[in-house]
């Protein structure tokens, strides 16, 4: 998910990595921890608030979220329950989410204005669940549960969908897609010609 612009090391729409479903992470080692740090650096450089492995050419089920200053604004991020305990959202940032599984979603939905580091310069309104609960592992392999709402929930939905090869533009109706089709086509052409070397395990 995006608040800023893309950088050269991020896969763009049209790059096949973005549509490749991710595989389960089964190894929790130092090289992968190093990889996650690189992902976080790339995300921060691009002024994003979330990034998924496919966006850096890596196809394992991991995404990272860092809501920055917004994480200290309850009117933006709402409440959060981490492993059964009410938790300040800012205390979880940055959050490395490995092998996420959605356990529950709210009946209520909301419209969010979204963009994506892999589709720079385009934003559109997307309907999301206002609150979700997920189970995931941290970088050490320990399992956690997380219930969150508002921007935190929106970002989690956006990033976990990346892991299945789904992009936010897939939620748009035909009219919404038609309005931005020329821009999408231009980005897709760039992505198809793009040569992004996957981050290496080092």
N, C-alpha and C. Protein backbone atom coordinates (compact mmCIF):
# COMPACT_ATOMS: atom_id res chain seq x y z
N UNK A 1 0.86 -1.19 0.00
CA UNK A 1 0.00 0.00 0.00
C UNK A 1 0.89 1.23 0.00
N UNK A 2 0.35 2.32 -0.50
CA UNK A 2 1.21 3.46 -0.81
C UNK A 2 0.72 4.76 -0.19
N UNK A 3 1.67 5.56 0.25
CA UNK A 3 1.43 6.96 0.53
C UNK A 3 2.35 7.81 -0.34
N UNK A 4 3.39 7.18 -0.89
CA UNK A 4 4.36 7.90 -1.72
C UNK A 4 4.41 7.36 -3.13
N UNK A 5 5.61 7.34 -3.71
CA UNK A 5 5.78 6.90 -5.09
C UNK A 5 6.65 5.64 -5.14
N UNK A 6 6.70 5.03 -6.31
CA UNK A 6 7.44 3.79 -6.48
C UNK A 6 8.94 4.07 -6.64
N UNK A 7 9.73 3.03 -6.41
CA UNK A 7 11.16 3.09 -6.67
C UNK A 7 11.53 1.95 -7.60
N UNK A 8 12.72 2.03 -8.18
CA UNK A 8 13.11 1.10 -9.25
C UNK A 8 13.13 -0.36 -8.80
N UNK A 9 13.37 -0.62 -7.50
CA UNK A 9 13.49 -2.00 -7.02
C UNK A 9 12.15 -2.64 -6.71
N UNK A 10 11.05 -1.97 -6.98
CA UNK A 10 9.72 -2.51 -6.74
C UNK A 10 9.10 -2.98 -8.06
N UNK A 11 8.57 -4.20 -8.06
CA UNK A 11 7.93 -4.76 -9.25
C UNK A 11 6.67 -3.97 -9.58
N UNK A 12 6.51 -3.62 -10.84
CA UNK A 12 5.36 -2.87 -11.31
C UNK A 12 4.31 -3.79 -11.90
N UNK A 13 3.07 -3.28 -11.98
CA UNK A 13 2.00 -3.98 -12.67
C UNK A 13 2.51 -4.44 -14.04
N UNK A 14 2.27 -5.71 -14.37
CA UNK A 14 2.80 -6.28 -15.60
C UNK A 14 3.95 -7.23 -15.35
N UNK A 15 4.62 -7.04 -14.21
CA UNK A 15 5.67 -7.98 -13.81
C UNK A 15 4.99 -9.24 -13.29
N UNK A 16 5.31 -10.41 -13.84
CA UNK A 16 4.60 -11.64 -13.47
C UNK A 16 4.69 -11.99 -11.99
N UNK A 17 5.69 -11.49 -11.28
CA UNK A 17 5.82 -11.79 -9.85
C UNK A 17 4.59 -11.35 -9.08
N UNK A 18 3.95 -10.25 -9.51
CA UNK A 18 2.80 -9.73 -8.78
C UNK A 18 1.58 -10.63 -8.86
N UNK A 19 1.51 -11.46 -9.87
CA UNK A 19 0.36 -12.35 -10.02
C UNK A 19 0.69 -13.79 -9.64
N UNK A 20 1.84 -13.99 -9.04
CA UNK A 20 2.27 -15.32 -8.63
C UNK A 20 1.87 -15.56 -7.18
N UNK A 21 0.98 -16.53 -6.91
CA UNK A 21 0.62 -16.81 -5.51
C UNK A 21 1.85 -17.21 -4.70
N UNK A 22 1.94 -16.68 -3.50
CA UNK A 22 3.11 -16.95 -2.66
C UNK A 22 3.02 -18.31 -2.00
N UNK A 23 4.17 -18.87 -1.68
CA UNK A 23 4.25 -20.15 -0.99
C UNK A 23 4.48 -19.93 0.51
N UNK A 24 4.11 -20.91 1.28
CA UNK A 24 4.25 -20.82 2.74
C UNK A 24 5.72 -20.71 3.14
N UNK A 25 5.98 -19.83 4.11
CA UNK A 25 7.33 -19.74 4.68
C UNK A 25 7.50 -20.89 5.67
N UNK A 26 8.51 -21.72 5.45
CA UNK A 26 8.76 -22.87 6.33
C UNK A 26 10.09 -22.77 7.06
N UNK A 27 10.92 -21.83 6.62
CA UNK A 27 12.24 -21.65 7.22
C UNK A 27 12.29 -20.28 7.88
N UNK A 28 12.72 -20.23 9.13
CA UNK A 28 12.81 -18.98 9.88
C UNK A 28 14.27 -18.81 10.30
N UNK A 29 15.04 -18.21 9.41
CA UNK A 29 16.47 -18.12 9.64
C UNK A 29 16.95 -16.68 9.49
N UNK A 30 18.23 -16.48 9.76
CA UNK A 30 18.79 -15.14 9.70
C UNK A 30 18.78 -14.55 8.29
N UNK A 31 19.08 -15.34 7.23
CA UNK A 31 19.01 -14.76 5.89
C UNK A 31 17.63 -14.18 5.58
N UNK A 32 16.57 -14.86 6.03
CA UNK A 32 15.23 -14.32 5.78
C UNK A 32 14.99 -13.06 6.61
N UNK A 33 15.49 -13.02 7.82
CA UNK A 33 15.37 -11.81 8.63
C UNK A 33 16.06 -10.64 7.92
N UNK A 34 17.20 -10.91 7.31
CA UNK A 34 17.90 -9.87 6.56
C UNK A 34 17.06 -9.41 5.37
N UNK A 35 16.40 -10.37 4.71
CA UNK A 35 15.54 -10.05 3.58
C UNK A 35 14.40 -9.13 4.02
N UNK A 36 13.81 -9.42 5.17
CA UNK A 36 12.69 -8.60 5.64
C UNK A 36 13.16 -7.17 5.94
N UNK A 37 14.38 -7.04 6.44
CA UNK A 37 14.92 -5.69 6.70
C UNK A 37 15.09 -4.93 5.39
N UNK A 38 15.52 -5.64 4.34
CA UNK A 38 15.67 -4.99 3.04
C UNK A 38 14.31 -4.55 2.51
N UNK A 39 13.30 -5.41 2.66
CA UNK A 39 11.94 -5.05 2.24
C UNK A 39 11.47 -3.78 2.95
N UNK A 40 11.73 -3.72 4.25
CA UNK A 40 11.32 -2.55 5.03
C UNK A 40 12.03 -1.29 4.54
N UNK A 41 13.32 -1.41 4.24
CA UNK A 41 14.07 -0.26 3.74
C UNK A 41 13.51 0.22 2.40
N UNK A 42 13.19 -0.72 1.53
CA UNK A 42 12.62 -0.37 0.22
C UNK A 42 11.28 0.34 0.41
N UNK A 43 10.45 -0.20 1.31
CA UNK A 43 9.14 0.40 1.57
C UNK A 43 9.28 1.83 2.10
N UNK A 44 10.17 2.01 3.06
CA UNK A 44 10.37 3.35 3.62
C UNK A 44 10.89 4.32 2.56
N UNK A 45 11.80 3.84 1.72
CA UNK A 45 12.35 4.70 0.67
C UNK A 45 11.24 5.17 -0.27
N UNK A 46 10.28 4.28 -0.51
CA UNK A 46 9.18 4.61 -1.42
C UNK A 46 8.04 5.34 -0.71
N UNK A 47 8.21 5.57 0.61
CA UNK A 47 7.19 6.24 1.42
C UNK A 47 5.87 5.46 1.43
N UNK A 48 6.00 4.14 1.48
CA UNK A 48 4.83 3.27 1.58
C UNK A 48 4.52 2.94 3.03
N UNK A 49 3.36 2.36 3.26
CA UNK A 49 2.98 1.91 4.61
C UNK A 49 2.83 0.39 4.65
N UNK A 50 3.03 -0.27 3.52
CA UNK A 50 2.96 -1.71 3.47
C UNK A 50 3.64 -2.22 2.22
N UNK A 51 4.20 -3.43 2.32
CA UNK A 51 4.84 -4.04 1.17
C UNK A 51 4.75 -5.56 1.30
N UNK A 52 4.55 -6.23 0.19
CA UNK A 52 4.47 -7.69 0.17
C UNK A 52 5.65 -8.26 -0.61
N UNK A 53 5.97 -9.52 -0.32
CA UNK A 53 7.16 -10.13 -0.92
C UNK A 53 7.15 -10.08 -2.44
N UNK A 54 5.97 -10.29 -3.07
CA UNK A 54 5.93 -10.26 -4.54
C UNK A 54 6.40 -8.94 -5.11
N UNK A 55 6.25 -7.88 -4.35
CA UNK A 55 6.62 -6.56 -4.85
C UNK A 55 8.13 -6.37 -4.96
N UNK A 56 8.88 -7.27 -4.34
CA UNK A 56 10.33 -7.24 -4.49
C UNK A 56 10.82 -8.51 -5.18
N UNK A 57 9.89 -9.21 -5.88
CA UNK A 57 10.27 -10.37 -6.66
C UNK A 57 10.46 -11.63 -5.86
N UNK A 58 9.98 -11.64 -4.61
CA UNK A 58 10.13 -12.81 -3.74
C UNK A 58 8.75 -13.41 -3.52
N UNK A 59 8.57 -14.71 -3.66
CA UNK A 59 7.23 -15.27 -3.62
C UNK A 59 7.03 -16.21 -2.43
N UNK A 60 7.27 -15.70 -1.23
CA UNK A 60 6.88 -16.38 0.00
C UNK A 60 5.86 -15.51 0.72
N UNK A 61 5.09 -16.14 1.61
CA UNK A 61 3.97 -15.45 2.24
C UNK A 61 4.44 -14.55 3.39
N UNK A 62 4.93 -13.40 3.02
CA UNK A 62 5.36 -12.42 4.02
C UNK A 62 5.06 -11.01 3.52
N UNK A 63 4.53 -10.21 4.41
CA UNK A 63 4.34 -8.78 4.12
C UNK A 63 4.72 -7.99 5.36
N UNK A 64 4.97 -6.73 5.15
CA UNK A 64 5.40 -5.85 6.25
C UNK A 64 4.53 -4.60 6.24
N UNK A 65 4.15 -4.18 7.43
CA UNK A 65 3.33 -2.98 7.59
C UNK A 65 4.01 -2.03 8.57
N UNK A 66 4.05 -0.78 8.20
CA UNK A 66 4.52 0.28 9.11
C UNK A 66 3.69 1.52 8.85
N UNK A 67 2.75 1.77 9.73
CA UNK A 67 1.81 2.88 9.54
C UNK A 67 2.39 4.23 9.96
N UNK A 68 3.61 4.24 10.43
CA UNK A 68 4.27 5.50 10.75
C UNK A 68 3.53 6.31 11.79
N UNK A 69 3.48 7.61 11.60
CA UNK A 69 2.85 8.50 12.58
C UNK A 69 1.36 8.23 12.73
N UNK A 70 0.73 7.68 11.69
CA UNK A 70 -0.71 7.37 11.77
C UNK A 70 -0.99 6.34 12.85
N UNK A 71 0.00 5.51 13.18
CA UNK A 71 -0.22 4.45 14.16
C UNK A 71 -0.48 4.99 15.55
N UNK A 72 -0.21 6.27 15.77
CA UNK A 72 -0.45 6.90 17.07
C UNK A 72 -1.73 7.75 17.07
N UNK A 73 -2.53 7.58 16.04
CA UNK A 73 -3.77 8.35 15.93
C UNK A 73 -4.97 7.41 15.92
N UNK A 74 -5.61 7.20 17.08
CA UNK A 74 -6.72 6.25 17.18
C UNK A 74 -7.86 6.52 16.22
N UNK A 75 -8.07 7.78 15.86
CA UNK A 75 -9.16 8.08 14.93
C UNK A 75 -8.86 7.53 13.53
N UNK A 76 -7.58 7.25 13.26
CA UNK A 76 -7.18 6.71 11.96
C UNK A 76 -7.02 5.19 12.01
N UNK A 77 -6.41 4.69 13.08
CA UNK A 77 -6.12 3.24 13.15
C UNK A 77 -7.07 2.48 14.06
N UNK A 78 -7.85 3.18 14.87
CA UNK A 78 -8.80 2.52 15.74
C UNK A 78 -8.13 1.73 16.85
N UNK A 79 -8.78 0.63 17.26
CA UNK A 79 -8.26 -0.19 18.34
C UNK A 79 -7.59 -1.44 17.78
N UNK A 80 -6.86 -2.13 18.66
CA UNK A 80 -6.09 -3.29 18.23
C UNK A 80 -6.00 -4.27 19.39
N UNK A 81 -6.21 -5.56 19.10
CA UNK A 81 -6.04 -6.62 20.10
C UNK A 81 -5.00 -7.59 19.57
N UNK A 82 -3.91 -7.70 20.29
CA UNK A 82 -2.78 -8.55 19.88
C UNK A 82 -2.61 -9.68 20.89
N UNK A 83 -2.73 -10.90 20.42
CA UNK A 83 -2.66 -12.08 21.30
C UNK A 83 -3.59 -11.95 22.50
N UNK A 84 -4.78 -11.45 22.22
CA UNK A 84 -5.82 -11.36 23.25
C UNK A 84 -5.75 -10.15 24.14
N UNK A 85 -4.77 -9.28 23.94
CA UNK A 85 -4.59 -8.11 24.81
C UNK A 85 -4.72 -6.81 24.02
N UNK A 86 -5.49 -5.84 24.54
CA UNK A 86 -5.53 -4.52 23.89
C UNK A 86 -4.11 -3.96 23.80
N UNK A 87 -3.76 -3.49 22.62
CA UNK A 87 -2.39 -3.06 22.36
C UNK A 87 -2.38 -1.76 21.58
N UNK A 88 -1.45 -0.88 21.90
CA UNK A 88 -1.27 0.35 21.14
C UNK A 88 -0.69 -0.02 19.78
N UNK A 89 -1.32 0.42 18.71
CA UNK A 89 -0.90 0.04 17.37
C UNK A 89 0.57 0.40 17.13
N UNK A 90 0.98 1.57 17.59
CA UNK A 90 2.35 2.03 17.37
C UNK A 90 3.38 1.07 17.95
N UNK A 91 3.00 0.34 19.02
CA UNK A 91 3.94 -0.58 19.65
C UNK A 91 4.22 -1.80 18.77
N UNK A 92 3.41 -2.03 17.76
CA UNK A 92 3.60 -3.19 16.87
C UNK A 92 4.39 -2.84 15.61
N UNK A 93 4.63 -1.57 15.39
CA UNK A 93 5.24 -1.13 14.14
C UNK A 93 6.77 -1.13 14.22
N UNK A 94 7.47 -1.57 13.15
CA UNK A 94 6.91 -2.21 11.95
C UNK A 94 6.51 -3.65 12.25
N UNK A 95 5.48 -4.13 11.57
CA UNK A 95 4.95 -5.46 11.82
C UNK A 95 5.29 -6.37 10.65
N UNK A 96 6.01 -7.45 10.93
CA UNK A 96 6.33 -8.46 9.92
C UNK A 96 5.29 -9.57 10.04
N UNK A 97 4.55 -9.79 8.96
CA UNK A 97 3.43 -10.73 8.96
C UNK A 97 3.79 -11.90 8.04
N UNK A 98 3.94 -13.08 8.62
CA UNK A 98 4.35 -14.27 7.86
C UNK A 98 3.24 -15.32 7.90
N UNK A 99 2.93 -15.89 6.76
CA UNK A 99 1.90 -16.92 6.62
C UNK A 99 0.56 -16.49 7.24
N UNK A 100 0.06 -15.31 6.87
CA UNK A 100 -1.20 -14.85 7.47
C UNK A 100 -2.40 -15.67 7.01
N UNK A 101 -3.34 -15.86 7.94
CA UNK A 101 -4.61 -16.53 7.65
C UNK A 101 -5.71 -15.66 8.26
N UNK A 102 -6.69 -15.28 7.45
CA UNK A 102 -7.80 -14.47 7.96
C UNK A 102 -8.75 -15.38 8.71
N UNK A 103 -9.02 -15.06 9.98
CA UNK A 103 -9.90 -15.86 10.82
C UNK A 103 -11.32 -15.32 10.86
N UNK A 104 -11.44 -14.00 10.77
CA UNK A 104 -12.77 -13.39 10.90
C UNK A 104 -12.76 -12.00 10.28
N UNK A 105 -13.91 -11.61 9.76
CA UNK A 105 -14.08 -10.27 9.22
C UNK A 105 -15.39 -9.70 9.73
N UNK A 106 -15.46 -8.40 9.81
CA UNK A 106 -16.67 -7.73 10.30
C UNK A 106 -17.76 -7.74 9.24
N UNK A 107 -19.00 -7.58 9.69
CA UNK A 107 -20.11 -7.41 8.75
C UNK A 107 -20.03 -6.04 8.11
N UNK A 108 -19.53 -5.08 8.87
CA UNK A 108 -19.45 -3.70 8.38
C UNK A 108 -18.28 -3.56 7.40
N UNK A 109 -18.49 -2.74 6.40
CA UNK A 109 -17.45 -2.43 5.44
C UNK A 109 -17.27 -0.92 5.34
N UNK A 110 -16.19 -0.52 4.74
CA UNK A 110 -15.95 0.91 4.52
C UNK A 110 -15.23 1.10 3.20
N UNK A 111 -15.32 2.31 2.68
CA UNK A 111 -14.62 2.66 1.46
C UNK A 111 -13.29 3.32 1.81
N UNK A 112 -12.23 2.85 1.18
CA UNK A 112 -10.92 3.44 1.43
C UNK A 112 -10.30 3.88 0.11
N UNK A 113 -9.59 4.98 0.17
CA UNK A 113 -8.86 5.46 -0.99
C UNK A 113 -7.49 4.80 -0.98
N UNK A 114 -7.24 3.92 -1.94
CA UNK A 114 -6.02 3.14 -1.91
C UNK A 114 -5.15 3.38 -3.14
N UNK A 115 -3.88 3.10 -2.92
CA UNK A 115 -2.91 3.09 -4.00
C UNK A 115 -1.97 1.94 -3.75
N UNK A 116 -0.95 1.80 -4.57
CA UNK A 116 -0.03 0.67 -4.44
C UNK A 116 1.34 1.07 -4.99
N UNK A 117 2.37 0.64 -4.28
CA UNK A 117 3.72 0.94 -4.74
C UNK A 117 4.00 0.35 -6.12
N UNK A 118 3.27 -0.72 -6.47
CA UNK A 118 3.47 -1.36 -7.77
C UNK A 118 2.62 -0.75 -8.87
N UNK A 119 1.75 0.19 -8.51
CA UNK A 119 0.91 0.88 -9.50
C UNK A 119 0.99 2.37 -9.19
N UNK A 120 2.17 2.97 -9.36
CA UNK A 120 2.40 4.34 -8.91
C UNK A 120 1.53 5.37 -9.62
N UNK A 121 1.11 6.36 -8.83
CA UNK A 121 0.37 7.48 -9.39
C UNK A 121 -1.12 7.25 -9.53
N UNK A 122 -1.62 6.09 -9.15
CA UNK A 122 -3.04 5.77 -9.29
C UNK A 122 -3.64 5.47 -7.93
N UNK A 123 -4.78 6.09 -7.65
CA UNK A 123 -5.54 5.80 -6.45
C UNK A 123 -6.99 5.59 -6.82
N UNK A 124 -7.66 4.75 -6.05
CA UNK A 124 -9.07 4.48 -6.32
C UNK A 124 -9.75 4.05 -5.03
N UNK A 125 -11.06 4.20 -5.00
CA UNK A 125 -11.85 3.84 -3.83
C UNK A 125 -12.16 2.35 -3.85
N UNK A 126 -11.84 1.66 -2.74
CA UNK A 126 -12.02 0.21 -2.63
C UNK A 126 -12.83 -0.09 -1.37
N UNK A 127 -13.76 -1.03 -1.48
CA UNK A 127 -14.54 -1.45 -0.31
C UNK A 127 -13.78 -2.53 0.45
N UNK A 128 -13.63 -2.32 1.75
CA UNK A 128 -12.90 -3.26 2.60
C UNK A 128 -13.72 -3.56 3.86
N UNK A 129 -13.41 -4.68 4.50
CA UNK A 129 -13.97 -4.96 5.82
C UNK A 129 -13.40 -3.95 6.80
N UNK A 130 -14.24 -3.44 7.69
CA UNK A 130 -13.77 -2.42 8.61
C UNK A 130 -12.94 -3.00 9.75
N UNK A 131 -13.10 -4.31 9.99
CA UNK A 131 -12.33 -4.95 11.06
C UNK A 131 -12.03 -6.39 10.66
N UNK A 132 -10.82 -6.86 10.92
CA UNK A 132 -10.46 -8.24 10.60
C UNK A 132 -9.64 -8.85 11.73
N UNK A 133 -9.64 -10.17 11.77
CA UNK A 133 -8.80 -10.91 12.71
C UNK A 133 -7.95 -11.89 11.90
N UNK A 134 -6.66 -11.90 12.14
CA UNK A 134 -5.78 -12.81 11.43
C UNK A 134 -4.92 -13.61 12.41
N UNK A 135 -4.44 -14.74 11.93
CA UNK A 135 -3.40 -15.51 12.62
C UNK A 135 -2.17 -15.47 11.73
N UNK A 136 -1.01 -15.28 12.32
CA UNK A 136 0.22 -15.20 11.53
C UNK A 136 1.41 -15.59 12.39
N UNK A 137 2.56 -15.69 11.76
CA UNK A 137 3.81 -15.97 12.46
C UNK A 137 4.73 -14.77 12.36
N UNK A 138 5.56 -14.58 13.38
CA UNK A 138 6.57 -13.53 13.32
C UNK A 138 7.84 -14.10 12.69
N UNK A 139 8.88 -13.29 12.62
CA UNK A 139 10.09 -13.72 11.92
C UNK A 139 10.83 -14.84 12.62
N UNK A 140 10.46 -15.13 13.87
CA UNK A 140 11.05 -16.25 14.58
C UNK A 140 10.21 -17.51 14.49
N UNK A 141 9.04 -17.40 13.83
CA UNK A 141 8.16 -18.54 13.67
C UNK A 141 7.07 -18.64 14.72
N UNK A 142 7.06 -17.74 15.70
CA UNK A 142 6.04 -17.78 16.76
C UNK A 142 4.70 -17.32 16.20
N UNK A 143 3.64 -18.01 16.60
CA UNK A 143 2.30 -17.71 16.10
C UNK A 143 1.61 -16.65 16.96
N UNK A 144 0.88 -15.76 16.28
CA UNK A 144 0.14 -14.69 16.96
C UNK A 144 -1.24 -14.54 16.35
N UNK A 145 -2.12 -13.89 17.10
CA UNK A 145 -3.41 -13.45 16.55
C UNK A 145 -3.48 -11.94 16.66
N UNK A 146 -4.16 -11.33 15.71
CA UNK A 146 -4.28 -9.88 15.67
C UNK A 146 -5.66 -9.50 15.19
N UNK A 147 -6.33 -8.65 15.96
CA UNK A 147 -7.61 -8.08 15.55
C UNK A 147 -7.42 -6.58 15.44
N UNK A 148 -7.77 -6.02 14.30
CA UNK A 148 -7.56 -4.59 14.10
C UNK A 148 -8.64 -4.01 13.22
N UNK A 149 -8.66 -2.69 13.11
CA UNK A 149 -9.71 -2.02 12.36
C UNK A 149 -9.15 -0.81 11.61
N UNK A 150 -10.05 -0.15 10.91
CA UNK A 150 -9.74 1.09 10.19
C UNK A 150 -8.50 0.93 9.30
N UNK A 151 -7.58 1.90 9.34
CA UNK A 151 -6.44 1.89 8.41
C UNK A 151 -5.59 0.63 8.57
N UNK A 152 -5.41 0.17 9.80
CA UNK A 152 -4.62 -1.03 10.05
C UNK A 152 -5.24 -2.22 9.32
N UNK A 153 -6.56 -2.39 9.46
CA UNK A 153 -7.26 -3.49 8.80
C UNK A 153 -7.22 -3.36 7.28
N UNK A 154 -7.38 -2.14 6.80
CA UNK A 154 -7.33 -1.90 5.35
C UNK A 154 -5.97 -2.30 4.79
N UNK A 155 -4.93 -1.86 5.46
CA UNK A 155 -3.57 -2.16 4.99
C UNK A 155 -3.29 -3.66 5.03
N UNK A 156 -3.74 -4.33 6.09
CA UNK A 156 -3.55 -5.77 6.18
C UNK A 156 -4.26 -6.50 5.04
N UNK A 157 -5.49 -6.08 4.74
CA UNK A 157 -6.21 -6.72 3.65
C UNK A 157 -5.51 -6.50 2.31
N UNK A 158 -5.07 -5.26 2.09
CA UNK A 158 -4.36 -4.93 0.85
C UNK A 158 -3.11 -5.79 0.69
N UNK A 159 -2.30 -5.89 1.75
CA UNK A 159 -1.02 -6.59 1.64
C UNK A 159 -1.20 -8.10 1.60
N UNK A 160 -2.11 -8.65 2.39
CA UNK A 160 -2.29 -10.11 2.36
C UNK A 160 -2.88 -10.55 1.03
N UNK A 161 -3.67 -9.71 0.38
CA UNK A 161 -4.17 -10.05 -0.95
C UNK A 161 -3.03 -10.12 -1.97
N UNK A 162 -2.03 -9.28 -1.80
CA UNK A 162 -0.84 -9.37 -2.67
C UNK A 162 -0.28 -10.78 -2.67
N UNK A 163 -0.32 -11.44 -1.51
CA UNK A 163 0.28 -12.76 -1.39
C UNK A 163 -0.47 -13.81 -2.20
N UNK A 164 -1.70 -13.50 -2.57
CA UNK A 164 -2.50 -14.39 -3.42
C UNK A 164 -2.48 -13.94 -4.88
N UNK A 165 -1.71 -12.91 -5.17
CA UNK A 165 -1.64 -12.40 -6.54
C UNK A 165 -2.77 -11.45 -6.88
N UNK A 166 -3.44 -10.91 -5.87
CA UNK A 166 -4.57 -9.99 -6.08
C UNK A 166 -4.12 -8.57 -5.81
N UNK A 167 -4.54 -7.64 -6.68
CA UNK A 167 -4.21 -6.22 -6.54
C UNK A 167 -5.46 -5.42 -6.25
N UNK A 168 -5.28 -4.24 -5.69
CA UNK A 168 -6.46 -3.45 -5.31
C UNK A 168 -7.32 -3.09 -6.51
N UNK A 169 -6.72 -2.98 -7.67
CA UNK A 169 -7.50 -2.63 -8.87
C UNK A 169 -8.46 -3.75 -9.26
N UNK A 170 -8.21 -4.96 -8.76
CA UNK A 170 -9.12 -6.08 -9.07
C UNK A 170 -10.49 -5.90 -8.42
N UNK A 171 -10.57 -5.01 -7.45
CA UNK A 171 -11.84 -4.75 -6.76
C UNK A 171 -12.69 -3.70 -7.48
N UNK A 172 -12.13 -3.03 -8.46
CA UNK A 172 -12.85 -1.95 -9.13
C UNK A 172 -13.87 -2.51 -10.10
N UNK A 173 -14.99 -1.78 -10.23
CA UNK A 173 -15.98 -2.18 -11.24
C UNK A 173 -15.49 -1.74 -12.62
N UNK A 174 -16.22 -2.12 -13.64
CA UNK A 174 -15.77 -1.84 -15.01
C UNK A 174 -15.60 -0.34 -15.26
N UNK A 175 -16.54 0.44 -14.73
CA UNK A 175 -16.46 1.90 -14.93
C UNK A 175 -15.20 2.45 -14.27
N UNK A 176 -14.90 1.94 -13.08
CA UNK A 176 -13.71 2.40 -12.38
C UNK A 176 -12.44 2.04 -13.12
N UNK A 177 -12.41 0.84 -13.72
CA UNK A 177 -11.23 0.42 -14.47
C UNK A 177 -11.07 1.23 -15.76
N UNK A 178 -12.20 1.51 -16.42
CA UNK A 178 -12.14 2.26 -17.68
C UNK A 178 -11.53 3.63 -17.46
N UNK A 179 -11.85 4.26 -16.33
CA UNK A 179 -11.36 5.62 -16.06
C UNK A 179 -9.84 5.67 -15.95
N UNK A 180 -9.24 4.60 -15.47
CA UNK A 180 -7.78 4.61 -15.26
C UNK A 180 -7.05 3.68 -16.23
N UNK A 181 -7.76 3.13 -17.20
CA UNK A 181 -7.15 2.14 -18.09
C UNK A 181 -5.92 2.65 -18.83
N UNK A 182 -5.94 3.88 -19.37
CA UNK A 182 -4.72 4.36 -20.06
C UNK A 182 -3.50 4.38 -19.15
N UNK A 183 -3.69 4.83 -17.90
CA UNK A 183 -2.57 4.85 -16.96
C UNK A 183 -2.12 3.44 -16.61
N UNK A 184 -3.09 2.53 -16.42
CA UNK A 184 -2.75 1.14 -16.11
C UNK A 184 -1.96 0.50 -17.26
N UNK A 185 -2.39 0.77 -18.49
CA UNK A 185 -1.71 0.21 -19.65
C UNK A 185 -0.26 0.69 -19.73
N UNK A 186 -0.06 1.97 -19.41
CA UNK A 186 1.29 2.53 -19.46
C UNK A 186 2.19 1.89 -18.41
N UNK A 187 1.65 1.72 -17.20
CA UNK A 187 2.43 1.08 -16.13
C UNK A 187 2.68 -0.38 -16.47
N UNK A 188 1.67 -1.06 -17.02
CA UNK A 188 1.82 -2.47 -17.37
C UNK A 188 2.92 -2.67 -18.42
N UNK A 189 2.99 -1.78 -19.37
CA UNK A 189 4.05 -1.90 -20.38
C UNK A 189 5.43 -1.76 -19.72
N UNK A 190 5.55 -0.87 -18.78
CA UNK A 190 6.82 -0.72 -18.05
C UNK A 190 7.13 -1.98 -17.25
N UNK A 191 6.09 -2.52 -16.60
CA UNK A 191 6.28 -3.70 -15.77
C UNK A 191 6.67 -4.92 -16.57
N UNK A 192 6.10 -5.05 -17.76
CA UNK A 192 6.42 -6.21 -18.61
C UNK A 192 7.87 -6.18 -19.08
N UNK A 193 8.44 -4.99 -19.18
CA UNK A 193 9.82 -4.86 -19.64
C UNK A 193 10.80 -4.74 -18.48
N UNK A 194 10.26 -4.69 -17.28
CA UNK A 194 11.07 -4.44 -16.10
C UNK A 194 11.95 -5.63 -15.75
N UNK A 195 13.14 -5.33 -15.29
CA UNK A 195 14.06 -6.37 -14.84
C UNK A 195 14.42 -6.05 -13.39
N UNK A 196 13.63 -6.66 -12.47
CA UNK A 196 13.89 -6.49 -11.05
C UNK A 196 14.47 -7.79 -10.51
N UNK A 197 15.70 -7.74 -10.04
CA UNK A 197 16.33 -8.93 -9.48
C UNK A 197 15.70 -9.20 -8.11
N UNK A 198 15.20 -10.41 -7.87
CA UNK A 198 14.64 -10.72 -6.56
C UNK A 198 15.67 -10.50 -5.47
N UNK A 199 15.21 -10.06 -4.31
CA UNK A 199 16.12 -9.91 -3.18
C UNK A 199 16.73 -11.27 -2.85
N UNK A 200 18.00 -11.29 -2.55
CA UNK A 200 18.69 -12.54 -2.27
C UNK A 200 18.73 -12.84 -0.79
N UNK A 201 18.73 -14.13 -0.46
CA UNK A 201 18.93 -14.55 0.93
C UNK A 201 20.42 -14.51 1.21
N UNK A 202 20.80 -13.57 2.06
CA UNK A 202 22.22 -13.43 2.40
C UNK A 202 22.35 -13.23 3.90
